């Protein structure tokens, strides 16, 4: 399966968005940098809690605000919604190639979205210093994407190279002073 060929599939942003949610997302863009922007996005989320356009908007907002823990929550929510629609397990570790093929037949565009959300999680985990969790996701993606169209194998290679050049320091004993 060619994960780069999505010319003949529906993409997440083509799903109809309630007009009020669309206005709130536009308002958030205008108010960016102001706390009102987040409020507008959260209100849009209340109106369309499972719409991927809303979740991508929240993801981007939190990402650019450097709120990486919030980014992970949104990415996980988007993955769970996608998994449910695709008929694949919520736990990405349980997905195999046959399930991937079935999901592609259901919605190739949504499957690609799901896989990219998993990759996005791995990148955020890297930024948070949670290397092992990131590696697990990247390894799974690399196994599912034998042609590395999503770039997970290449990213995994970079992570491994960096780790070999910069091994984690051994814990050194520390001295703690206590006032008597």
C-alpha atoms as a PDB file:
ATOM      1  CA  UNK A   1       0.000   0.000   0.000  1.00  0.00           C
ATOM      2  CA  UNK A   2       1.388   3.373  -0.980  1.00  0.00           C
ATOM      3  CA  UNK A   3       0.920   5.711   1.971  1.00  0.00           C
ATOM      4  CA  UNK A   4       1.770   8.696  -0.205  1.00  0.00           C
ATOM      5  CA  UNK A   5      -1.040   8.145  -2.684  1.00  0.00           C
ATOM      6  CA  UNK A   6      -4.076   9.809  -1.222  1.00  0.00           C
ATOM      7  CA  UNK A   7      -5.373  11.337  -4.439  1.00  0.00           C
ATOM      8  CA  UNK A   8      -8.473   9.157  -4.446  1.00  0.00           C
ATOM      9  CA  UNK A   9      -9.623   9.502  -0.839  1.00  0.00           C
ATOM     10  CA  UNK A  10     -11.511  11.833   1.430  1.00  0.00           C
ATOM     11  CA  UNK A  11      -9.396  13.885   3.837  1.00  0.00           C
ATOM     12  CA  UNK A  12     -10.378  14.843   7.381  1.00  0.00           C
ATOM     13  CA  UNK A  13     -10.864  18.538   6.611  1.00  0.00           C
ATOM     14  CA  UNK A  14     -13.404  17.718   3.914  1.00  0.00           C
ATOM     15  CA  UNK A  15     -15.941  16.554   6.513  1.00  0.00           C
ATOM     16  CA  UNK A  16     -18.624  19.151   7.059  1.00  0.00           C
ATOM     17  CA  UNK A  17     -17.990  21.250  10.140  1.00  0.00           C
ATOM     18  CA  UNK A  18     -20.867  22.919  11.976  1.00  0.00           C
ATOM     19  CA  UNK A  19     -20.919  26.593  10.998  1.00  0.00           C
ATOM     20  CA  UNK A  20     -20.662  27.749  14.620  1.00  0.00           C
ATOM     21  CA  UNK A  21     -17.559  25.612  15.173  1.00  0.00           C
ATOM     22  CA  UNK A  22     -16.032  26.935  11.965  1.00  0.00           C
ATOM     23  CA  UNK A  23     -16.636  30.518  13.129  1.00  0.00           C
ATOM     24  CA  UNK A  24     -15.031  29.735  16.490  1.00  0.00           C
ATOM     25  CA  UNK A  25     -11.936  28.318  14.801  1.00  0.00           C
ATOM     26  CA  UNK A  26     -11.684  31.463  12.658  1.00  0.00           C
ATOM     27  CA  UNK A  27     -12.131  33.591  15.770  1.00  0.00           C
ATOM     28  CA  UNK A  28      -9.334  31.651  17.489  1.00  0.00           C
ATOM     29  CA  UNK A  29      -7.036  32.372  14.558  1.00  0.00           C
ATOM     30  CA  UNK A  30      -7.811  36.088  14.827  1.00  0.00           C
ATOM     31  CA  UNK A  31      -7.306  36.051  18.598  1.00  0.00           C
ATOM     32  CA  UNK A  32      -4.123  33.980  18.527  1.00  0.00           C
ATOM     33  CA  UNK A  33      -1.855  34.931  21.411  1.00  0.00           C
ATOM     34  CA  UNK A  34      -4.798  36.019  23.518  1.00  0.00           C
ATOM     35  CA  UNK A  35      -6.390  33.611  26.027  1.00  0.00           C
ATOM     36  CA  UNK A  36      -9.658  34.084  24.117  1.00  0.00           C
ATOM     37  CA  UNK A  37      -8.193  31.955  21.308  1.00  0.00           C
ATOM     38  CA  UNK A  38      -8.021  28.852  23.452  1.00  0.00           C
ATOM     39  CA  UNK A  39     -11.511  29.491  24.776  1.00  0.00           C
ATOM     40  CA  UNK A  40     -12.857  29.716  21.222  1.00  0.00           C
ATOM     41  CA  UNK A  41     -11.196  26.416  20.305  1.00  0.00           C
ATOM     42  CA  UNK A  42     -12.549  24.709  23.406  1.00  0.00           C
ATOM     43  CA  UNK A  43     -16.033  25.980  22.583  1.00  0.00           C
ATOM     44  CA  UNK A  44     -15.630  24.597  19.049  1.00  0.00           C
ATOM     45  CA  UNK A  45     -14.605  21.302  20.608  1.00  0.00           C
ATOM     46  CA  UNK A  46     -17.792  21.290  22.702  1.00  0.00           C
ATOM     47  CA  UNK A  47     -19.834  21.783  19.528  1.00  0.00           C
ATOM     48  CA  UNK A  48     -17.979  19.142  17.492  1.00  0.00           C
ATOM     49  CA  UNK A  49     -15.994  16.961  19.927  1.00  0.00           C
ATOM     50  CA  UNK A  50     -15.151  14.300  17.346  1.00  0.00           C
ATOM     51  CA  UNK A  51     -14.474  16.484  14.342  1.00  0.00           C
ATOM     52  CA  UNK A  52     -10.850  16.112  13.332  1.00  0.00           C
ATOM     53  CA  UNK A  53     -10.617  19.670  12.030  1.00  0.00           C
ATOM     54  CA  UNK A  54     -11.381  20.930  15.536  1.00  0.00           C
ATOM     55  CA  UNK A  55      -8.854  18.556  17.054  1.00  0.00           C
ATOM     56  CA  UNK A  56      -6.164  19.547  14.565  1.00  0.00           C
ATOM     57  CA  UNK A  57      -6.843  23.194  15.421  1.00  0.00           C
ATOM     58  CA  UNK A  58      -6.445  22.455  19.137  1.00  0.00           C
ATOM     59  CA  UNK A  59      -3.313  20.414  18.437  1.00  0.00           C
ATOM     60  CA  UNK A  60      -1.718  23.250  16.495  1.00  0.00           C
ATOM     61  CA  UNK A  61      -2.680  25.826  19.092  1.00  0.00           C
ATOM     62  CA  UNK A  62      -1.141  23.820  21.930  1.00  0.00           C
ATOM     63  CA  UNK A  63       1.901  22.939  19.836  1.00  0.00           C
ATOM     64  CA  UNK A  64       2.679  26.559  19.010  1.00  0.00           C
ATOM     65  CA  UNK A  65       2.064  27.521  22.630  1.00  0.00           C
ATOM     66  CA  UNK A  66       4.644  24.850  23.607  1.00  0.00           C
ATOM     67  CA  UNK A  67       2.055  23.050  25.731  1.00  0.00           C
ATOM     68  CA  UNK A  68       3.314  19.626  24.756  1.00  0.00           C
ATOM     69  CA  UNK A  69       1.446  17.636  27.409  1.00  0.00           C
ATOM     70  CA  UNK A  70      -1.810  19.108  26.072  1.00  0.00           C
ATOM     71  CA  UNK A  71      -0.697  18.257  22.539  1.00  0.00           C
ATOM     72  CA  UNK A  72      -0.356  14.601  23.548  1.00  0.00           C
ATOM     73  CA  UNK A  73      -3.875  14.544  24.988  1.00  0.00           C
ATOM     74  CA  UNK A  74      -5.344  15.968  21.774  1.00  0.00           C
ATOM     75  CA  UNK A  75      -3.314  13.630  19.535  1.00  0.00           C
ATOM     76  CA  UNK A  76      -4.429  10.619  21.564  1.00  0.00           C
ATOM     77  CA  UNK A  77      -8.066  11.730  21.347  1.00  0.00           C
ATOM     78  CA  UNK A  78      -7.775  12.131  17.563  1.00  0.00           C
ATOM     79  CA  UNK A  79      -6.198   8.676  17.285  1.00  0.00           C
ATOM     80  CA  UNK A  80      -8.970   7.082  19.337  1.00  0.00           C
ATOM     81  CA  UNK A  81     -11.683   8.666  17.199  1.00  0.00           C
ATOM     82  CA  UNK A  82      -9.900   7.589  14.022  1.00  0.00           C
ATOM     83  CA  UNK A  83      -9.338   4.051  15.329  1.00  0.00           C
ATOM     84  CA  UNK A  84     -13.020   3.672  16.169  1.00  0.00           C
ATOM     85  CA  UNK A  85     -14.073   4.796  12.668  1.00  0.00           C
ATOM     86  CA  UNK A  86     -11.471   2.535  11.071  1.00  0.00           C
ATOM     87  CA  UNK A  87     -12.386  -0.512  13.158  1.00  0.00           C
ATOM     88  CA  UNK A  88      -8.861  -0.928  14.515  1.00  0.00           C
ATOM     89  CA  UNK A  89      -7.769  -1.318  18.148  1.00  0.00           C
ATOM     90  CA  UNK A  90      -7.417   1.804  20.300  1.00  0.00           C
ATOM     91  CA  UNK A  91      -4.004   0.509  21.343  1.00  0.00           C
ATOM     92  CA  UNK A  92      -1.626   1.150  18.442  1.00  0.00           C
ATOM     93  CA  UNK A  93       0.618  -1.707  19.646  1.00  0.00           C
ATOM     94  CA  UNK A  94      -2.096  -4.204  18.672  1.00  0.00           C
ATOM     95  CA  UNK A  95      -2.450  -3.126  15.044  1.00  0.00           C
ATOM     96  CA  UNK A  96      -1.157  -5.584  12.461  1.00  0.00           C
ATOM     97  CA  UNK A  97      -0.844  -5.493   8.683  1.00  0.00           C
ATOM     98  CA  UNK A  98      -4.169  -7.220   8.031  1.00  0.00           C
ATOM     99  CA  UNK A  99      -5.992  -4.665  10.193  1.00  0.00           C
ATOM    100  CA  UNK A 100      -4.128  -1.926   8.358  1.00  0.00           C
ATOM    101  CA  UNK A 101      -5.379  -3.278   5.023  1.00  0.00           C
ATOM    102  CA  UNK A 102      -8.936  -3.458   6.300  1.00  0.00           C
ATOM    103  CA  UNK A 103      -8.684   0.088   7.663  1.00  0.00           C
ATOM    104  CA  UNK A 104      -7.344   1.308   4.314  1.00  0.00           C
ATOM    105  CA  UNK A 105     -10.375  -0.182   2.595  1.00  0.00           C
ATOM    106  CA  UNK A 106     -12.633   1.659   5.051  1.00  0.00           C
ATOM    107  CA  UNK A 107     -10.944   5.050   4.619  1.00  0.00           C
ATOM    108  CA  UNK A 108      -7.438   5.454   3.309  1.00  0.00           C
ATOM    109  CA  UNK A 109      -7.374   9.157   4.171  1.00  0.00           C
ATOM    110  CA  UNK A 110      -8.412   8.503   7.769  1.00  0.00           C
ATOM    111  CA  UNK A 111      -5.863   5.697   8.087  1.00  0.00           C
ATOM    112  CA  UNK A 112      -3.133   8.037   6.903  1.00  0.00           C
ATOM    113  CA  UNK A 113      -4.355  10.641   9.416  1.00  0.00           C
ATOM    114  CA  UNK A 114      -4.205   8.017  12.187  1.00  0.00           C
ATOM    115  CA  UNK A 115      -0.649   6.973  11.286  1.00  0.00           C
ATOM    116  CA  UNK A 116       0.507  10.595  11.083  1.00  0.00           C
ATOM    117  CA  UNK A 117      -1.086  11.296  14.488  1.00  0.00           C
ATOM    118  CA  UNK A 118       0.920   8.379  15.878  1.00  0.00           C
ATOM    119  CA  UNK A 119       4.070   9.831  14.337  1.00  0.00           C
ATOM    120  CA  UNK A 120       3.219  13.275  15.727  1.00  0.00           C
ATOM    121  CA  UNK A 121       2.918  11.734  19.190  1.00  0.00           C
ATOM    122  CA  UNK A 122       6.372  10.217  18.805  1.00  0.00           C
ATOM    123  CA  UNK A 123       7.860  13.590  17.853  1.00  0.00           C
ATOM    124  CA  UNK A 124       6.237  15.283  20.854  1.00  0.00           C
ATOM    125  CA  UNK A 125       7.495  12.504  23.119  1.00  0.00           C
ATOM    126  CA  UNK A 126      11.000  13.111  21.763  1.00  0.00           C
ATOM    127  CA  UNK A 127      10.693  16.793  22.591  1.00  0.00           C
ATOM    128  CA  UNK A 128       9.603  15.839  26.101  1.00  0.00           C
ATOM    129  CA  UNK A 129      12.642  13.570  26.473  1.00  0.00           C
ATOM    130  CA  UNK A 130      10.517  10.421  26.608  1.00  0.00           C
ATOM    131  CA  UNK A 131      12.748   8.586  24.150  1.00  0.00           C
ATOM    132  CA  UNK A 132      11.686   4.992  24.860  1.00  0.00           C
ATOM    133  CA  UNK A 133       7.984   5.800  24.366  1.00  0.00           C
ATOM    134  CA  UNK A 134       8.797   7.615  21.145  1.00  0.00           C
ATOM    135  CA  UNK A 135      10.979   4.769  19.875  1.00  0.00           C
ATOM    136  CA  UNK A 136       8.177   2.266  20.498  1.00  0.00           C
ATOM    137  CA  UNK A 137       5.788   4.238  18.309  1.00  0.00           C
ATOM    138  CA  UNK A 138       8.384   4.866  15.612  1.00  0.00           C
ATOM    139  CA  UNK A 139       9.323   1.172  15.541  1.00  0.00           C
ATOM    140  CA  UNK A 140       5.677   0.191  15.111  1.00  0.00           C
ATOM    141  CA  UNK A 141       5.199   2.731  12.317  1.00  0.00           C
ATOM    142  CA  UNK A 142       8.374   1.567  10.583  1.00  0.00           C
ATOM    143  CA  UNK A 143       7.145  -2.034  10.742  1.00  0.00           C
ATOM    144  CA  UNK A 144       3.779  -1.069   9.238  1.00  0.00           C
ATOM    145  CA  UNK A 145       5.256   1.249   6.572  1.00  0.00           C
ATOM    146  CA  UNK A 146       7.857  -0.923   4.847  1.00  0.00           C
ATOM    147  CA  UNK A 147       8.604   1.747   2.221  1.00  0.00           C
ATOM    148  CA  UNK A 148       8.996   4.437   4.905  1.00  0.00           C
ATOM    149  CA  UNK A 149       6.632   6.831   3.170  1.00  0.00           C
ATOM    150  CA  UNK A 150       5.846   8.439   6.522  1.00  0.00           C
ATOM    151  CA  UNK A 151       9.510   8.799   7.472  1.00  0.00           C
ATOM    152  CA  UNK A 152       9.284   6.904  10.766  1.00  0.00           C
ATOM    153  CA  UNK A 153      12.206   4.589   9.984  1.00  0.00           C
ATOM    154  CA  UNK A 154      14.418   7.538   9.051  1.00  0.00           C
ATOM    155  CA  UNK A 155      13.438   9.389  12.216  1.00  0.00           C
ATOM    156  CA  UNK A 156      14.121   6.259  14.261  1.00  0.00           C
ATOM    157  CA  UNK A 157      17.550   6.073  12.645  1.00  0.00           C
ATOM    158  CA  UNK A 158      18.267   9.679  13.674  1.00  0.00           C
ATOM    159  CA  UNK A 159      17.095   9.019  17.250  1.00  0.00           C
ATOM    160  CA  UNK A 160      19.289   5.921  17.504  1.00  0.00           C
ATOM    161  CA  UNK A 161      22.294   7.756  16.077  1.00  0.00           C
ATOM    162  CA  UNK A 162      21.825  10.630  18.515  1.00  0.00           C
ATOM    163  CA  UNK A 163      21.514   8.236  21.433  1.00  0.00           C
ATOM    164  CA  UNK A 164      24.662   6.363  20.446  1.00  0.00           C
ATOM    165  CA  UNK A 165      26.591   9.646  20.249  1.00  0.00           C
ATOM    166  CA  UNK A 166      25.061  11.005  23.471  1.00  0.00           C
ATOM    167  CA  UNK A 167      24.504   8.090  25.840  1.00  0.00           C
ATOM    168  CA  UNK A 168      22.467   8.804  28.943  1.00  0.00           C
ATOM    169  CA  UNK A 169      24.817   9.681  31.802  1.00  0.00           C
ATOM    170  CA  UNK A 170      25.120   7.117  34.536  1.00  0.00           C
ATOM    171  CA  UNK A 171      23.542   8.245  37.725  1.00  0.00           C
ATOM    172  CA  UNK A 172      26.132   9.722  39.996  1.00  0.00           C
ATOM    173  CA  UNK A 173      25.803   9.508  43.724  1.00  0.00           C
ATOM    174  CA  UNK A 174      24.628  12.769  45.147  1.00  0.00           C
ATOM    175  CA  UNK A 175      25.194  14.410  48.463  1.00  0.00           C
ATOM    176  CA  UNK A 176      22.195  15.838  50.241  1.00  0.00           C
ATOM    177  CA  UNK A 177      22.770  18.318  53.036  1.00  0.00           C
ATOM    178  CA  UNK A 178      20.285  18.325  55.820  1.00  0.00           C
ATOM    179  CA  UNK A 179      20.120  21.104  58.396  1.00  0.00           C
ATOM    180  CA  UNK A 180      20.305  19.816  61.957  1.00  0.00           C
END
